[in-house]
Amino acid sequence: MTDSAKLQVSVPGGCVVCECPSAYCEYSVRDLIWDHPTVYEFVRCQQCGHGSLHPQPSPSQLQELYAGLYTQQKLDLMIRIGAGRFDRSLQRGRIRAIKSAMSGLCVSSMLDVGCGVGFFVQRLAQAFPKAVATGIEVAGPAAQQARRLCGDAVEIIEQSFLDSTLAPQSIDVLCMNHLLEHLSVPSVHMQRAAEMVRCGGIIVIEVPQLHGWARTILGPWFWCHLPPQHLHLYSVEGLRHLLSTNGFDEIVNLSTTGYPFNITVGFVMYVRHTVGSRSPRSQEWWIRAPAVLVGLLLLPMVVCLDVLAGFFLNRTRGDILRIVARRSSRK
């Protein structure tokens, strides 16, 4: 089916990238990880192709969602993820990109926006010991954990980035890692970032991307859709546009990597939601039992395919996009 033949929807306020008022539905998505009950449409902008949820959750719905997100169980999981091998590799990649972009330049102040439980801002402080590292986190439980982790080495501000009172043009390195996909109006945060970063300073953005191989192949079974937390999936072109319109007009580093075991997770979720424990037919054991048996028999082959394909595809068309951009030095 061509894009023009797909169901058209109106986008209130327009696309967050190009302001186009219309989009087309690509498929329905559900929360495969936390089991949030609402099913959304994943839509693509008619003009630029940007991906987003439709309809977008209201501010009150998002506030309710995040108020219930930081249970002790989920906080413990976030801590394990932050300390895990994969997340540490992402952190090292960001540090290498920052050091390359700031080579020969003075780094005196760094800001991690949406610092979560603090693992990356702690690593920033260790990598640039002569600079002042600050983290901003609006969620109280996460901010408290970040303070416990970082101690006196990092100041953790428990506040919205938009309400922060940090001085304009006072930051050399500003990081927004896995933040923009959560924001209803990302352009407002980008404008605030442009006010904060010094001329010649950089912004580091890392997001799940629209055109990664796993999202393209798995579609609705790509776990990182994660509605309603993830409101958007950005393309390279979409992020470039947001950056350039806010004065970050020099891309100094662009790279992709990928999540581990995307195909395996997608396969398991497909079986669970179609014939397994999370399907409407979960009580029909005569269907569920053979389906689970077939799934278990196929699982080793899926894992092998995942390891072989994922190793190469994550290095060429990974589902995590990192962009480092410099703020124009022109006054």
C-alpha atoms as a PDB file:
ATOM      1  CA  MET A   1       0.000   0.000   0.000  1.00  0.00           C
ATOM      2  CA  THR A   2       1.392   3.397  -0.923  1.00  0.00           C
ATOM      3  CA  ASP A   3       1.651   6.215   1.609  1.00  0.00           C
ATOM      4  CA  SER A   4      -1.069   8.139  -0.193  1.00  0.00           C
ATOM      5  CA  ALA A   5      -3.439   5.176   0.216  1.00  0.00           C
ATOM      6  CA  LYS A   6      -2.916   4.914   3.972  1.00  0.00           C
ATOM      7  CA  LEU A   7      -5.267   6.451   6.516  1.00  0.00           C
ATOM      8  CA  GLN A   8      -4.645  10.192   6.786  1.00  0.00           C
ATOM      9  CA  VAL A   9      -4.828  11.955  10.157  1.00  0.00           C
ATOM     10  CA  SER A  10      -4.648  15.556  11.284  1.00  0.00           C
ATOM     11  CA  VAL A  11      -1.745  16.502  13.562  1.00  0.00           C
ATOM     12  CA  PRO A  12      -2.787  19.158  16.125  1.00  0.00           C
ATOM     13  CA  GLY A  13      -0.127  21.874  16.166  1.00  0.00           C
ATOM     14  CA  GLY A  14       1.604  20.326  13.166  1.00  0.00           C
ATOM     15  CA  CYS A  15       4.682  18.105  12.877  1.00  0.00           C
ATOM     16  CA  VAL A  16       7.321  18.939  15.508  1.00  0.00           C
ATOM     17  CA  VAL A  17       9.966  19.026  12.768  1.00  0.00           C
ATOM     18  CA  CYS A  18       8.373  20.753   9.765  1.00  0.00           C
ATOM     19  CA  GLU A  19       4.945  21.896  11.089  1.00  0.00           C
ATOM     20  CA  CYS A  20       3.058  19.973   8.394  1.00  0.00           C
ATOM     21  CA  PRO A  21      -0.542  19.489   9.672  1.00  0.00           C
ATOM     22  CA  SER A  22      -1.144  16.007   8.247  1.00  0.00           C
ATOM     23  CA  ALA A  23       0.303  12.517   8.604  1.00  0.00           C
ATOM     24  CA  TYR A  24      -0.491   8.952   7.555  1.00  0.00           C
ATOM     25  CA  CYS A  25      -0.908   5.923   9.819  1.00  0.00           C
ATOM     26  CA  GLU A  26       1.816   3.299   9.399  1.00  0.00           C
ATOM     27  CA  TYR A  27       0.694   0.751  12.025  1.00  0.00           C
ATOM     28  CA  SER A  28      -0.626   0.396  15.584  1.00  0.00           C
ATOM     29  CA  VAL A  29       1.818   0.135  18.508  1.00  0.00           C
ATOM     30  CA  ARG A  30       1.554  -1.006  22.099  1.00  0.00           C
ATOM     31  CA  ASP A  31       3.898  -0.963  25.073  1.00  0.00           C
ATOM     32  CA  LEU A  32       5.717  -4.293  24.824  1.00  0.00           C
ATOM     33  CA  ILE A  33       7.840  -3.775  27.951  1.00  0.00           C
ATOM     34  CA  TRP A  34       5.733  -2.185  30.714  1.00  0.00           C
ATOM     35  CA  ASP A  35       2.317  -3.291  29.388  1.00  0.00           C
ATOM     36  CA  HIS A  36       0.719   0.152  29.322  1.00  0.00           C
ATOM     37  CA  PRO A  37      -2.827  -0.680  28.179  1.00  0.00           C
ATOM     38  CA  THR A  38      -3.409   2.003  25.519  1.00  0.00           C
ATOM     39  CA  VAL A  39      -2.847   1.158  21.857  1.00  0.00           C
ATOM     40  CA  TYR A  40      -1.666   4.069  19.683  1.00  0.00           C
ATOM     41  CA  GLU A  41      -1.206   4.679  15.988  1.00  0.00           C
ATOM     42  CA  PHE A  42       2.346   5.253  14.811  1.00  0.00           C
ATOM     43  CA  VAL A  43       2.079   7.942  12.155  1.00  0.00           C
ATOM     44  CA  ARG A  44       4.519   9.497   9.686  1.00  0.00           C
ATOM     45  CA  CYS A  45       4.489  13.133   8.647  1.00  0.00           C
ATOM     46  CA  GLN A  46       3.117  13.591   5.148  1.00  0.00           C
ATOM     47  CA  GLN A  47       5.898  16.043   4.300  1.00  0.00           C
ATOM     48  CA  CYS A  48       9.107  15.084   6.140  1.00  0.00           C
ATOM     49  CA  GLY A  49       8.320  11.535   7.284  1.00  0.00           C
ATOM     50  CA  HIS A  50       8.903  12.199  11.010  1.00  0.00           C
ATOM     51  CA  GLY A  51       7.438   9.399  13.175  1.00  0.00           C
ATOM     52  CA  SER A  52       5.211  10.028  16.200  1.00  0.00           C
ATOM     53  CA  LEU A  53       2.339   8.657  18.272  1.00  0.00           C
ATOM     54  CA  HIS A  54      -1.236   9.535  17.437  1.00  0.00           C
ATOM     55  CA  PRO A  55      -3.038  10.836  19.322  1.00  0.00           C
ATOM     56  CA  GLN A  56      -0.375  12.368  21.522  1.00  0.00           C
ATOM     57  CA  PRO A  57      -1.010  11.850  25.249  1.00  0.00           C
ATOM     58  CA  SER A  58      -2.198  14.926  27.112  1.00  0.00           C
ATOM     59  CA  PRO A  59       0.090  16.669  29.644  1.00  0.00           C
ATOM     60  CA  SER A  60      -2.032  15.269  32.502  1.00  0.00           C
ATOM     61  CA  GLN A  61      -1.729  11.736  31.107  1.00  0.00           C
ATOM     62  CA  LEU A  62       2.040  12.082  30.819  1.00  0.00           C
ATOM     63  CA  GLN A  63       2.272  13.492  34.334  1.00  0.00           C
ATOM     64  CA  GLU A  64       0.317  10.507  35.649  1.00  0.00           C
ATOM     65  CA  LEU A  65       2.521   8.125  33.666  1.00  0.00           C
ATOM     66  CA  TYR A  66       5.794   9.480  35.024  1.00  0.00           C
ATOM     67  CA  ALA A  67       4.429   9.793  38.559  1.00  0.00           C
ATOM     68  CA  GLY A  68       3.961   6.024  38.549  1.00  0.00           C
ATOM     69  CA  LEU A  69       7.160   5.202  36.690  1.00  0.00           C
ATOM     70  CA  TYR A  70       9.625   5.504  39.544  1.00  0.00           C
ATOM     71  CA  THR A  71       8.572   2.617  41.721  1.00  0.00           C
ATOM     72  CA  GLN A  72      11.427   1.028  43.652  1.00  0.00           C
ATOM     73  CA  GLN A  73      11.302  -1.997  41.355  1.00  0.00           C
ATOM     74  CA  LYS A  74      11.625   0.106  38.206  1.00  0.00           C
ATOM     75  CA  LEU A  75      14.253   2.357  39.806  1.00  0.00           C
ATOM     76  CA  ASP A  76      16.321  -0.720  40.656  1.00  0.00           C
ATOM     77  CA  LEU A  77      15.997  -1.842  37.031  1.00  0.00           C
ATOM     78  CA  MET A  78      17.189   1.574  35.785  1.00  0.00           C
ATOM     79  CA  ILE A  79      20.202   1.320  38.077  1.00  0.00           C
ATOM     80  CA  ARG A  80      21.069  -2.151  36.758  1.00  0.00           C
ATOM     81  CA  ILE A  81      20.721  -0.935  33.165  1.00  0.00           C
ATOM     82  CA  GLY A  82      22.893   2.127  33.823  1.00  0.00           C
ATOM     83  CA  ALA A  83      25.597  -0.039  35.382  1.00  0.00           C
ATOM     84  CA  GLY A  84      25.322  -2.701  32.684  1.00  0.00           C
ATOM     85  CA  ARG A  85      27.755  -3.408  29.869  1.00  0.00           C
ATOM     86  CA  PHE A  86      25.594  -2.059  27.042  1.00  0.00           C
ATOM     87  CA  ASP A  87      24.828   1.262  28.707  1.00  0.00           C
ATOM     88  CA  ARG A  88      28.471   1.678  29.700  1.00  0.00           C
ATOM     89  CA  SER A  89      29.444   1.223  26.047  1.00  0.00           C
ATOM     90  CA  LEU A  90      27.021   3.992  25.050  1.00  0.00           C
ATOM     91  CA  GLN A  91      28.520   6.255  27.712  1.00  0.00           C
ATOM     92  CA  ARG A  92      32.056   5.599  26.463  1.00  0.00           C
ATOM     93  CA  GLY A  93      30.967   6.382  22.903  1.00  0.00           C
ATOM     94  CA  ARG A  94      29.525   9.728  23.972  1.00  0.00           C
ATOM     95  CA  ILE A  95      32.700  10.640  25.834  1.00  0.00           C
ATOM     96  CA  ARG A  96      34.852   9.813  22.795  1.00  0.00           C
ATOM     97  CA  ALA A  97      32.597  11.941  20.576  1.00  0.00           C
ATOM     98  CA  ILE A  98      32.777  14.879  23.014  1.00  0.00           C
ATOM     99  CA  LYS A  99      36.562  14.690  23.344  1.00  0.00           C
ATOM    100  CA  SER A 100      36.918  14.604  19.571  1.00  0.00           C
ATOM    101  CA  ALA A 101      34.587  17.571  19.076  1.00  0.00           C
ATOM    102  CA  MET A 102      36.249  19.633  21.837  1.00  0.00           C
ATOM    103  CA  SER A 103      39.835  18.709  21.004  1.00  0.00           C
ATOM    104  CA  GLY A 104      42.056  21.735  21.618  1.00  0.00           C
ATOM    105  CA  LEU A 105      39.180  23.732  23.135  1.00  0.00           C
ATOM    106  CA  CYS A 106      38.594  24.616  26.772  1.00  0.00           C
ATOM    107  CA  VAL A 107      35.843  22.661  28.553  1.00  0.00           C
ATOM    108  CA  SER A 108      34.912  24.388  31.796  1.00  0.00           C
ATOM    109  CA  SER A 109      31.201  23.561  32.188  1.00  0.00           C
ATOM    110  CA  MET A 110      29.039  20.583  31.209  1.00  0.00           C
ATOM    111  CA  LEU A 111      25.331  19.970  31.586  1.00  0.00           C
ATOM    112  CA  ASP A 112      23.468  16.648  31.300  1.00  0.00           C
ATOM    113  CA  VAL A 113      19.764  17.376  30.748  1.00  0.00           C
ATOM    114  CA  GLY A 114      17.522  14.551  31.952  1.00  0.00           C
ATOM    115  CA  CYS A 115      20.434  12.891  33.750  1.00  0.00           C
ATOM    116  CA  GLY A 116      18.281  10.105  35.213  1.00  0.00           C
ATOM    117  CA  VAL A 117      20.003   8.146  37.960  1.00  0.00           C
ATOM    118  CA  GLY A 118      23.332   9.823  37.187  1.00  0.00           C
ATOM    119  CA  PHE A 119      25.622   7.295  35.531  1.00  0.00           C
ATOM    120  CA  PHE A 120      26.549   9.383  32.494  1.00  0.00           C
ATOM    121  CA  VAL A 121      26.989  12.715  34.258  1.00  0.00           C
ATOM    122  CA  GLN A 122      29.267  10.924  36.724  1.00  0.00           C
ATOM    123  CA  ARG A 123      31.321   9.637  33.793  1.00  0.00           C
ATOM    124  CA  LEU A 124      31.423  13.163  32.323  1.00  0.00           C
ATOM    125  CA  ALA A 125      32.874  14.489  35.561  1.00  0.00           C
ATOM    126  CA  GLN A 126      35.510  11.749  35.573  1.00  0.00           C
ATOM    127  CA  ALA A 127      36.447  12.348  31.920  1.00  0.00           C
ATOM    128  CA  PHE A 128      36.791  16.138  32.372  1.00  0.00           C
ATOM    129  CA  PRO A 129      38.011  16.569  35.963  1.00  0.00           C
ATOM    130  CA  LYS A 130      38.816  20.276  35.519  1.00  0.00           C
ATOM    131  CA  ALA A 131      35.282  21.132  34.346  1.00  0.00           C
ATOM    132  CA  VAL A 132      32.138  21.683  36.394  1.00  0.00           C
ATOM    133  CA  ALA A 133      29.597  18.944  35.677  1.00  0.00           C
ATOM    134  CA  THR A 134      25.910  19.492  36.417  1.00  0.00           C
ATOM    135  CA  GLY A 135      22.906  17.225  35.967  1.00  0.00           C
ATOM    136  CA  ILE A 136      19.270  18.285  35.687  1.00  0.00           C
ATOM    137  CA  GLU A 137      16.531  15.758  36.451  1.00  0.00           C
ATOM    138  CA  VAL A 138      12.876  16.573  37.042  1.00  0.00           C
ATOM    139  CA  ALA A 139      11.951  13.230  38.642  1.00  0.00           C
ATOM    140  CA  GLY A 140      12.636  13.304  42.387  1.00  0.00           C
ATOM    141  CA  PRO A 141      13.500   9.609  42.936  1.00  0.00           C
ATOM    142  CA  ALA A 142      15.946   9.601  40.013  1.00  0.00           C
ATOM    143  CA  ALA A 143      17.557  12.875  41.138  1.00  0.00           C
ATOM    144  CA  GLN A 144      18.029  11.504  44.660  1.00  0.00           C
ATOM    145  CA  GLN A 145      19.677   8.363  43.306  1.00  0.00           C
ATOM    146  CA  ALA A 146      21.940  10.513  41.105  1.00  0.00           C
ATOM    147  CA  ARG A 147      23.067  12.486  44.161  1.00  0.00           C
ATOM    148  CA  ARG A 148      23.880   9.262  46.005  1.00  0.00           C
ATOM    149  CA  LEU A 149      25.861   7.976  43.030  1.00  0.00           C
ATOM    150  CA  CYS A 150      27.780  11.160  42.183  1.00  0.00           C
ATOM    151  CA  GLY A 151      28.368  12.573  45.654  1.00  0.00           C
ATOM    152  CA  ASP A 152      30.043  15.983  45.696  1.00  0.00           C
ATOM    153  CA  ALA A 153      31.610  15.584  42.248  1.00  0.00           C
ATOM    154  CA  VAL A 154      28.420  16.648  40.435  1.00  0.00           C
ATOM    155  CA  GLU A 155      25.640  19.079  41.271  1.00  0.00           C
ATOM    156  CA  ILE A 156      22.234  17.506  40.619  1.00  0.00           C
ATOM    157  CA  ILE A 157      19.429  20.012  40.098  1.00  0.00           C
ATOM    158  CA  GLU A 158      15.947  18.619  40.694  1.00  0.00           C
ATOM    159  CA  GLN A 159      14.054  20.871  38.326  1.00  0.00           C
ATOM    160  CA  SER A 160      12.624  21.182  34.836  1.00  0.00           C
ATOM    161  CA  PHE A 161      15.219  22.253  32.278  1.00  0.00           C
ATOM    162  CA  LEU A 162      12.899  24.999  31.068  1.00  0.00           C
ATOM    163  CA  ASP A 163      12.662  26.419  34.595  1.00  0.00           C
ATOM    164  CA  SER A 164      16.379  26.257  35.356  1.00  0.00           C
ATOM    165  CA  THR A 165      18.155  29.463  36.315  1.00  0.00           C
ATOM    166  CA  LEU A 166      21.573  28.607  34.879  1.00  0.00           C
ATOM    167  CA  ALA A 167      23.197  31.592  33.197  1.00  0.00           C
ATOM    168  CA  PRO A 168      22.771  32.007  29.436  1.00  0.00           C
ATOM    169  CA  GLN A 169      25.759  31.006  27.286  1.00  0.00           C
ATOM    170  CA  SER A 170      27.439  29.379  30.267  1.00  0.00           C
ATOM    171  CA  ILE A 171      27.737  25.773  29.020  1.00  0.00           C
ATOM    172  CA  ASP A 172      30.474  24.298  26.836  1.00  0.00           C
ATOM    173  CA  VAL A 173      28.973  20.802  26.485  1.00  0.00           C
ATOM    174  CA  LEU A 174      25.242  20.151  26.793  1.00  0.00           C
ATOM    175  CA  CYS A 175      23.944  16.579  26.578  1.00  0.00           C
ATOM    176  CA  MET A 176      20.413  15.370  25.840  1.00  0.00           C
ATOM    177  CA  ASN A 177      20.608  11.589  25.801  1.00  0.00           C
ATOM    178  CA  HIS A 178      17.347   9.715  25.230  1.00  0.00           C
ATOM    179  CA  LEU A 179      15.321  12.782  26.101  1.00  0.00           C
ATOM    180  CA  LEU A 180      13.917  14.318  22.896  1.00  0.00           C
ATOM    181  CA  GLU A 181      11.758  11.282  22.127  1.00  0.00           C
ATOM    182  CA  HIS A 182       9.876  11.929  25.398  1.00  0.00           C
ATOM    183  CA  LEU A 183       9.033  15.593  24.721  1.00  0.00           C
ATOM    184  CA  SER A 184       5.722  16.827  23.342  1.00  0.00           C
ATOM    185  CA  VAL A 185       7.316  20.025  21.985  1.00  0.00           C
ATOM    186  CA  PRO A 186      11.069  19.360  21.566  1.00  0.00           C
ATOM    187  CA  SER A 187      11.691  22.691  19.820  1.00  0.00           C
ATOM    188  CA  VAL A 188      11.159  24.537  23.121  1.00  0.00           C
ATOM    189  CA  HIS A 189      13.939  22.521  24.769  1.00  0.00           C
ATOM    190  CA  MET A 190      16.175  23.057  21.747  1.00  0.00           C
ATOM    191  CA  GLN A 191      15.640  26.802  21.974  1.00  0.00           C
ATOM    192  CA  ARG A 192      16.519  26.693  25.666  1.00  0.00           C
ATOM    193  CA  ALA A 193      19.641  24.669  24.859  1.00  0.00           C
ATOM    194  CA  ALA A 194      20.698  27.268  22.298  1.00  0.00           C
ATOM    195  CA  GLU A 195      20.396  29.942  24.986  1.00  0.00           C
ATOM    196  CA  MET A 196      22.539  27.929  27.409  1.00  0.00           C
ATOM    197  CA  VAL A 197      25.414  26.834  25.132  1.00  0.00           C
ATOM    198  CA  ARG A 198      28.296  29.193  24.450  1.00  0.00           C
ATOM    199  CA  CYS A 199      29.189  30.122  20.889  1.00  0.00           C
ATOM    200  CA  GLY A 200      31.509  27.366  19.731  1.00  0.00           C
ATOM    201  CA  GLY A 201      30.131  24.955  22.341  1.00  0.00           C
ATOM    202  CA  ILE A 202      28.443  21.686  21.456  1.00  0.00           C
ATOM    203  CA  ILE A 203      25.235  19.785  22.022  1.00  0.00           C
ATOM    204  CA  VAL A 204      25.178  15.972  22.170  1.00  0.00           C
ATOM    205  CA  ILE A 205      21.902  14.263  21.280  1.00  0.00           C
ATOM    206  CA  GLU A 206      21.245  10.536  21.391  1.00  0.00           C
ATOM    207  CA  VAL A 207      17.838   9.104  20.450  1.00  0.00           C
ATOM    208  CA  PRO A 208      16.238   5.935  19.087  1.00  0.00           C
ATOM    209  CA  GLN A 209      16.001   6.610  15.364  1.00  0.00           C
ATOM    210  CA  LEU A 210      13.284   6.160  12.788  1.00  0.00           C
ATOM    211  CA  HIS A 211      15.323   4.522  10.030  1.00  0.00           C
ATOM    212  CA  GLY A 212      17.204   1.936  12.075  1.00  0.00           C
ATOM    213  CA  TRP A 213      17.207  -1.600  10.698  1.00  0.00           C
ATOM    214  CA  ALA A 214      15.242  -3.189  13.546  1.00  0.00           C
ATOM    215  CA  ARG A 215      12.456  -0.591  13.459  1.00  0.00           C
ATOM    216  CA  THR A 216      12.247  -0.936   9.684  1.00  0.00           C
ATOM    217  CA  ILE A 217      12.091  -4.751   9.763  1.00  0.00           C
ATOM    218  CA  LEU A 218      10.062  -5.351  12.929  1.00  0.00           C
ATOM    219  CA  GLY A 219       7.633  -2.435  12.675  1.00  0.00           C
ATOM    220  CA  PRO A 220       5.141  -2.654  15.576  1.00  0.00           C
ATOM    221  CA  TRP A 221       7.233  -5.379  17.245  1.00  0.00           C
ATOM    222  CA  PHE A 222      10.211  -3.064  17.676  1.00  0.00           C
ATOM    223  CA  TRP A 223      10.290  -2.818  21.467  1.00  0.00           C
ATOM    224  CA  CYS A 224      11.693   0.713  21.549  1.00  0.00           C
ATOM    225  CA  HIS A 225       8.445   2.240  20.299  1.00  0.00           C
ATOM    226  CA  LEU A 226       7.633   2.141  24.039  1.00  0.00           C
ATOM    227  CA  PRO A 227       4.360   4.154  23.977  1.00  0.00           C
ATOM    228  CA  PRO A 228       3.386   6.434  25.559  1.00  0.00           C
ATOM    229  CA  GLN A 229       6.847   7.289  26.925  1.00  0.00           C
ATOM    230  CA  HIS A 230       8.374   7.613  23.464  1.00  0.00           C
ATOM    231  CA  LEU A 231       6.324  10.188  21.613  1.00  0.00           C
ATOM    232  CA  HIS A 232       8.651  10.509  18.600  1.00  0.00           C
ATOM    233  CA  LEU A 233      11.167   8.645  16.458  1.00  0.00           C
ATOM    234  CA  TYR A 234      13.542  11.032  14.677  1.00  0.00           C
ATOM    235  CA  SER A 235      15.321  10.743  11.375  1.00  0.00           C
ATOM    236  CA  VAL A 236      18.791  12.177  10.734  1.00  0.00           C
ATOM    237  CA  GLU A 237      17.207  14.856   8.545  1.00  0.00           C
ATOM    238  CA  GLY A 238      14.655  15.752  11.220  1.00  0.00           C
ATOM    239  CA  LEU A 239      17.306  16.195  13.912  1.00  0.00           C
ATOM    240  CA  ARG A 240      19.503  18.205  11.559  1.00  0.00           C
ATOM    241  CA  HIS A 241      16.571  20.547  10.928  1.00  0.00           C
ATOM    242  CA  LEU A 242      15.851  21.026  14.644  1.00  0.00           C
ATOM    243  CA  LEU A 243      19.527  21.693  15.309  1.00  0.00           C
ATOM    244  CA  SER A 244      20.142  24.105  12.456  1.00  0.00           C
ATOM    245  CA  THR A 245      17.029  26.181  13.165  1.00  0.00           C
ATOM    246  CA  ASN A 246      18.354  26.717  16.697  1.00  0.00           C
ATOM    247  CA  GLY A 247      21.880  27.766  15.768  1.00  0.00           C
ATOM    248  CA  PHE A 248      23.603  24.360  15.927  1.00  0.00           C
ATOM    249  CA  ASP A 249      24.511  24.447  12.277  1.00  0.00           C
ATOM    250  CA  GLU A 250      27.771  22.469  12.244  1.00  0.00           C
ATOM    251  CA  ILE A 251      27.444  18.697  12.595  1.00  0.00           C
ATOM    252  CA  VAL A 252      30.797  17.516  13.939  1.00  0.00           C
ATOM    253  CA  ASN A 253      29.935  13.876  14.630  1.00  0.00           C
ATOM    254  CA  LEU A 254      27.141  11.561  13.479  1.00  0.00           C
ATOM    255  CA  SER A 255      27.052   7.863  14.305  1.00  0.00           C
ATOM    256  CA  THR A 256      24.661   4.988  14.893  1.00  0.00           C
ATOM    257  CA  THR A 257      24.727   1.918  17.069  1.00  0.00           C
ATOM    258  CA  GLY A 258      22.058  -0.562  18.025  1.00  0.00           C
ATOM    259  CA  TYR A 259      20.291  -2.316  20.838  1.00  0.00           C
ATOM    260  CA  PRO A 260      21.228  -5.951  21.476  1.00  0.00           C
ATOM    261  CA  PHE A 261      18.887  -8.822  20.526  1.00  0.00           C
ATOM    262  CA  ASN A 262      16.250  -6.772  18.726  1.00  0.00           C
ATOM    263  CA  ILE A 263      15.034  -9.688  16.600  1.00  0.00           C
ATOM    264  CA  THR A 264      14.845 -12.010  19.598  1.00  0.00           C
ATOM    265  CA  VAL A 265      12.845  -9.546  21.668  1.00  0.00           C
ATOM    266  CA  GLY A 266      10.542  -8.839  18.719  1.00  0.00           C
ATOM    267  CA  PHE A 267       9.985 -12.564  18.122  1.00  0.00           C
ATOM    268  CA  VAL A 268       9.208 -13.274  21.780  1.00  0.00           C
ATOM    269  CA  MET A 269       6.824 -10.319  21.979  1.00  0.00           C
ATOM    270  CA  TYR A 270       5.086 -11.378  18.762  1.00  0.00           C
ATOM    271  CA  VAL A 271       4.450 -14.880  20.125  1.00  0.00           C
ATOM    272  CA  ARG A 272       3.288 -13.572  23.502  1.00  0.00           C
ATOM    273  CA  HIS A 273       0.868 -11.047  22.062  1.00  0.00           C
ATOM    274  CA  THR A 274      -0.572 -13.155  19.259  1.00  0.00           C
ATOM    275  CA  VAL A 275      -1.024 -16.595  20.849  1.00  0.00           C
ATOM    276  CA  GLY A 276       0.782 -16.465  24.187  1.00  0.00           C
ATOM    277  CA  SER A 277       0.286 -15.117  27.678  1.00  0.00           C
ATOM    278  CA  ARG A 278      -0.577 -11.555  26.599  1.00  0.00           C
ATOM    279  CA  SER A 279      -2.935 -12.475  23.772  1.00  0.00           C
ATOM    280  CA  PRO A 280      -6.765 -12.479  23.839  1.00  0.00           C
ATOM    281  CA  ARG A 281      -6.576 -16.281  23.495  1.00  0.00           C
ATOM    282  CA  SER A 282      -4.237 -16.832  26.432  1.00  0.00           C
ATOM    283  CA  GLN A 283      -6.775 -19.083  28.227  1.00  0.00           C
ATOM    284  CA  GLU A 284      -7.165 -21.428  25.245  1.00  0.00           C
ATOM    285  CA  TRP A 285      -4.460 -23.907  26.226  1.00  0.00           C
ATOM    286  CA  TRP A 286      -4.933 -26.043  23.095  1.00  0.00           C
ATOM    287  CA  ILE A 287      -3.732 -23.044  21.071  1.00  0.00           C
ATOM    288  CA  ARG A 288      -1.292 -21.568  23.553  1.00  0.00           C
ATOM    289  CA  ALA A 289       0.622 -24.798  24.367  1.00  0.00           C
ATOM    290  CA  PRO A 290       1.644 -25.765  20.805  1.00  0.00           C
ATOM    291  CA  ALA A 291       2.379 -22.124  19.966  1.00  0.00           C
ATOM    292  CA  VAL A 292       4.730 -21.825  22.939  1.00  0.00           C
ATOM    293  CA  LEU A 293       6.369 -25.135  21.988  1.00  0.00           C
ATOM    294  CA  VAL A 294       6.967 -23.957  18.410  1.00  0.00           C
ATOM    295  CA  GLY A 295       8.276 -20.652  19.763  1.00  0.00           C
ATOM    296  CA  LEU A 296      10.776 -22.423  22.023  1.00  0.00           C
ATOM    297  CA  LEU A 297      11.954 -24.632  19.157  1.00  0.00           C
ATOM    298  CA  LEU A 298      12.503 -21.623  16.904  1.00  0.00           C
ATOM    299  CA  LEU A 299      14.093 -19.427  19.572  1.00  0.00           C
ATOM    300  CA  PRO A 300      17.685 -20.769  19.231  1.00  0.00           C
ATOM    301  CA  MET A 301      17.626 -20.093  15.474  1.00  0.00           C
ATOM    302  CA  VAL A 302      16.251 -16.588  16.075  1.00  0.00           C
ATOM    303  CA  VAL A 303      18.996 -15.854  18.611  1.00  0.00           C
ATOM    304  CA  CYS A 304      21.695 -17.039  16.172  1.00  0.00           C
ATOM    305  CA  LEU A 305      20.227 -14.878  13.406  1.00  0.00           C
ATOM    306  CA  ASP A 306      20.099 -11.943  15.822  1.00  0.00           C
ATOM    307  CA  VAL A 307      23.736 -12.302  16.828  1.00  0.00           C
ATOM    308  CA  LEU A 308      24.995 -12.598  13.251  1.00  0.00           C
ATOM    309  CA  ALA A 309      22.777  -9.976  11.619  1.00  0.00           C
ATOM    310  CA  GLY A 310      22.753  -7.567  14.543  1.00  0.00           C
ATOM    311  CA  PHE A 311      26.548  -7.452  14.755  1.00  0.00           C
ATOM    312  CA  PHE A 312      26.838  -6.031  11.240  1.00  0.00           C
ATOM    313  CA  LEU A 313      23.587  -4.060  10.975  1.00  0.00           C
ATOM    314  CA  ASN A 314      24.102  -2.213  14.265  1.00  0.00           C
ATOM    315  CA  ARG A 315      27.331  -0.800  12.859  1.00  0.00           C
ATOM    316  CA  THR A 316      25.828   0.375   9.599  1.00  0.00           C
ATOM    317  CA  ARG A 317      22.176   1.163  10.284  1.00  0.00           C
ATOM    318  CA  GLY A 318      21.711   0.945  14.032  1.00  0.00           C
ATOM    319  CA  ASP A 319      18.568   2.053  15.844  1.00  0.00           C
ATOM    320  CA  ILE A 320      20.364   4.525  18.127  1.00  0.00           C
ATOM    321  CA  LEU A 321      21.391   7.812  16.535  1.00  0.00           C
ATOM    322  CA  ARG A 322      23.997  10.110  18.082  1.00  0.00           C
ATOM    323  CA  ILE A 323      24.618  13.622  16.751  1.00  0.00           C
ATOM    324  CA  VAL A 324      27.150  16.134  18.042  1.00  0.00           C
ATOM    325  CA  ALA A 325      26.592  19.668  16.747  1.00  0.00           C
ATOM    326  CA  ARG A 326      28.403  22.932  17.369  1.00  0.00           C
ATOM    327  CA  ARG A 327      26.656  26.195  18.093  1.00  0.00           C
ATOM    328  CA  SER A 328      27.535  28.838  15.558  1.00  0.00           C
ATOM    329  CA  SER A 329      30.410  31.057  16.616  1.00  0.00           C
ATOM    330  CA  ARG A 330      28.821  33.939  14.764  1.00  0.00           C
ATOM    331  CA  LYS A 331      27.440  36.566  17.117  1.00  0.00           C
END
